[in-house]
Amino acid sequence: MNKTEKNTNWEVQKGRLLKKIAYLTDNDLLFAQDKKKEIFDVLQKRLGKSKEEIQKIINGV
């Protein structure tokens, strides 16, 4: 998977997350593609969930 495909995939997932969890903002989901840990940290704080729960949410969208 090249960088463009990864970015497109993230944009799709991000859109789905924003629809599923209405109080998330675009700013909550801004991060460098290669810094996955950052997004998990932001989502953990915003949602009050564990890393495993966040992974399940992301995989489910």
N, C-alpha and C. Protein backbone atom coordinates (compact mmCIF):
# COMPACT_ATOMS: atom_id res chain seq x y z
N MET A 1 0.85 -1.17 0.00
CA MET A 1 0.00 0.00 0.00
C MET A 1 0.90 1.24 0.00
N ASN A 2 0.68 2.12 -0.96
CA ASN A 2 1.51 3.31 -1.02
C ASN A 2 0.93 4.42 -0.14
N LYS A 3 1.66 5.53 -0.05
CA LYS A 3 1.27 6.62 0.85
C LYS A 3 -0.10 7.20 0.49
N THR A 4 -0.39 7.35 -0.79
CA THR A 4 -1.68 7.89 -1.21
C THR A 4 -2.82 6.98 -0.80
N GLU A 5 -2.64 5.67 -0.96
CA GLU A 5 -3.67 4.71 -0.56
C GLU A 5 -3.87 4.75 0.96
N LYS A 6 -2.80 4.86 1.72
CA LYS A 6 -2.92 4.94 3.18
C LYS A 6 -3.68 6.19 3.59
N ASN A 7 -3.35 7.32 2.95
CA ASN A 7 -4.03 8.57 3.29
C ASN A 7 -5.51 8.49 2.93
N THR A 8 -5.82 7.91 1.79
CA THR A 8 -7.22 7.76 1.37
C THR A 8 -7.96 6.86 2.35
N ASN A 9 -7.34 5.75 2.74
CA ASN A 9 -7.94 4.83 3.69
C ASN A 9 -8.20 5.54 5.02
N TRP A 10 -7.24 6.34 5.49
CA TRP A 10 -7.44 7.05 6.74
C TRP A 10 -8.57 8.06 6.61
N GLU A 11 -8.66 8.75 5.48
CA GLU A 11 -9.73 9.73 5.28
C GLU A 11 -11.10 9.05 5.35
N VAL A 12 -11.21 7.86 4.79
CA VAL A 12 -12.46 7.11 4.84
C VAL A 12 -12.77 6.72 6.28
N GLN A 13 -11.79 6.17 6.98
CA GLN A 13 -11.98 5.78 8.38
C GLN A 13 -12.32 6.99 9.24
N LYS A 14 -11.63 8.09 9.00
CA LYS A 14 -11.87 9.31 9.78
C LYS A 14 -13.31 9.78 9.59
N GLY A 15 -13.78 9.76 8.35
CA GLY A 15 -15.17 10.16 8.09
C GLY A 15 -16.16 9.27 8.81
N ARG A 16 -15.89 7.99 8.83
CA ARG A 16 -16.78 7.06 9.52
C ARG A 16 -16.76 7.27 11.03
N LEU A 17 -15.56 7.54 11.58
CA LEU A 17 -15.47 7.82 13.01
C LEU A 17 -16.23 9.08 13.38
N LEU A 18 -16.12 10.12 12.54
CA LEU A 18 -16.82 11.37 12.81
C LEU A 18 -18.33 11.17 12.79
N LYS A 19 -18.81 10.29 11.91
CA LYS A 19 -20.25 10.01 11.86
C LYS A 19 -20.68 9.18 13.06
N LYS A 20 -19.84 8.22 13.45
CA LYS A 20 -20.19 7.31 14.54
C LYS A 20 -20.13 8.00 15.90
N ILE A 21 -19.15 8.87 16.09
CA ILE A 21 -18.96 9.55 17.37
C ILE A 21 -19.05 11.04 17.10
N ALA A 22 -20.26 11.55 17.21
CA ALA A 22 -20.59 12.90 16.75
C ALA A 22 -19.79 14.01 17.43
N TYR A 23 -19.37 13.83 18.66
CA TYR A 23 -18.68 14.91 19.33
C TYR A 23 -17.19 14.97 19.04
N LEU A 24 -16.67 14.04 18.23
CA LEU A 24 -15.28 14.16 17.77
C LEU A 24 -15.22 15.25 16.72
N THR A 25 -14.08 15.91 16.64
CA THR A 25 -13.88 16.94 15.63
C THR A 25 -12.76 16.54 14.68
N ASP A 26 -12.66 17.25 13.56
CA ASP A 26 -11.55 17.01 12.64
C ASP A 26 -10.22 17.20 13.37
N ASN A 27 -10.14 18.19 14.24
CA ASN A 27 -8.90 18.43 14.99
C ASN A 27 -8.53 17.27 15.89
N ASP A 28 -9.52 16.58 16.43
CA ASP A 28 -9.24 15.40 17.26
C ASP A 28 -8.55 14.31 16.44
N LEU A 29 -8.84 14.28 15.17
CA LEU A 29 -8.34 13.20 14.32
C LEU A 29 -7.19 13.62 13.41
N LEU A 30 -6.65 14.81 13.62
CA LEU A 30 -5.49 15.25 12.86
C LEU A 30 -4.23 14.66 13.46
N PHE A 31 -3.46 14.02 12.65
CA PHE A 31 -2.17 13.50 13.09
C PHE A 31 -1.40 13.02 11.87
N ALA A 32 -0.12 12.89 12.03
CA ALA A 32 0.71 12.36 10.95
C ALA A 32 0.42 10.87 10.81
N GLN A 33 0.27 10.42 9.57
CA GLN A 33 -0.10 9.03 9.30
C GLN A 33 0.83 8.04 10.01
N ASP A 34 2.09 8.38 10.14
CA ASP A 34 3.04 7.45 10.74
C ASP A 34 3.09 7.56 12.27
N LYS A 35 2.20 8.34 12.86
CA LYS A 35 2.19 8.51 14.31
C LYS A 35 0.86 8.03 14.88
N LYS A 36 0.61 6.74 14.72
CA LYS A 36 -0.64 6.14 15.17
C LYS A 36 -0.88 6.30 16.66
N LYS A 37 0.19 6.26 17.44
CA LYS A 37 0.06 6.36 18.89
C LYS A 37 -0.63 7.67 19.29
N GLU A 38 -0.32 8.73 18.55
CA GLU A 38 -0.93 10.03 18.86
C GLU A 38 -2.45 9.97 18.79
N ILE A 39 -2.97 9.35 17.74
CA ILE A 39 -4.42 9.31 17.58
C ILE A 39 -5.05 8.46 18.68
N PHE A 40 -4.39 7.40 19.07
CA PHE A 40 -4.91 6.57 20.15
C PHE A 40 -4.95 7.37 21.45
N ASP A 41 -3.91 8.16 21.71
CA ASP A 41 -3.87 8.98 22.92
C ASP A 41 -5.02 9.99 22.93
N VAL A 42 -5.23 10.66 21.79
CA VAL A 42 -6.31 11.65 21.69
C VAL A 42 -7.66 10.98 21.89
N LEU A 43 -7.88 9.87 21.21
CA LEU A 43 -9.16 9.18 21.32
C LEU A 43 -9.39 8.63 22.73
N GLN A 44 -8.34 8.13 23.36
CA GLN A 44 -8.49 7.64 24.73
C GLN A 44 -8.94 8.76 25.66
N LYS A 45 -8.35 9.94 25.52
CA LYS A 45 -8.73 11.07 26.36
C LYS A 45 -10.15 11.52 26.06
N ARG A 46 -10.50 11.64 24.77
CA ARG A 46 -11.81 12.16 24.39
C ARG A 46 -12.94 11.18 24.71
N LEU A 47 -12.67 9.88 24.54
CA LEU A 47 -13.72 8.89 24.71
C LEU A 47 -13.69 8.19 26.06
N GLY A 48 -12.58 8.32 26.79
CA GLY A 48 -12.46 7.65 28.08
C GLY A 48 -12.45 6.14 27.94
N LYS A 49 -11.80 5.64 26.89
CA LYS A 49 -11.76 4.21 26.63
C LYS A 49 -10.31 3.72 26.60
N SER A 50 -10.14 2.40 26.73
CA SER A 50 -8.80 1.82 26.68
C SER A 50 -8.31 1.75 25.23
N LYS A 51 -7.02 1.50 25.08
CA LYS A 51 -6.43 1.38 23.75
C LYS A 51 -7.10 0.24 22.98
N GLU A 52 -7.39 -0.84 23.65
CA GLU A 52 -8.03 -1.99 23.02
C GLU A 52 -9.44 -1.63 22.54
N GLU A 53 -10.16 -0.87 23.36
CA GLU A 53 -11.51 -0.45 22.97
C GLU A 53 -11.46 0.49 21.76
N ILE A 54 -10.46 1.37 21.76
CA ILE A 54 -10.29 2.29 20.63
C ILE A 54 -9.99 1.49 19.36
N GLN A 55 -9.13 0.49 19.47
CA GLN A 55 -8.79 -0.34 18.30
C GLN A 55 -10.04 -1.03 17.77
N LYS A 56 -10.90 -1.53 18.64
CA LYS A 56 -12.13 -2.18 18.21
C LYS A 56 -13.04 -1.19 17.49
N ILE A 57 -13.11 0.04 18.01
CA ILE A 57 -13.94 1.07 17.36
C ILE A 57 -13.41 1.37 15.97
N ILE A 58 -12.12 1.56 15.85
CA ILE A 58 -11.51 1.86 14.54
C ILE A 58 -11.71 0.70 13.58
N ASN A 59 -11.50 -0.52 14.06
CA ASN A 59 -11.67 -1.68 13.20
C ASN A 59 -13.13 -1.86 12.78
N GLY A 60 -14.06 -1.37 13.60
CA GLY A 60 -15.46 -1.53 13.33
C GLY A 60 -16.06 -0.51 12.36
N VAL A 61 -15.25 0.47 11.95
CA VAL A 61 -15.79 1.47 11.02
C VAL A 61 -15.37 1.20 9.60
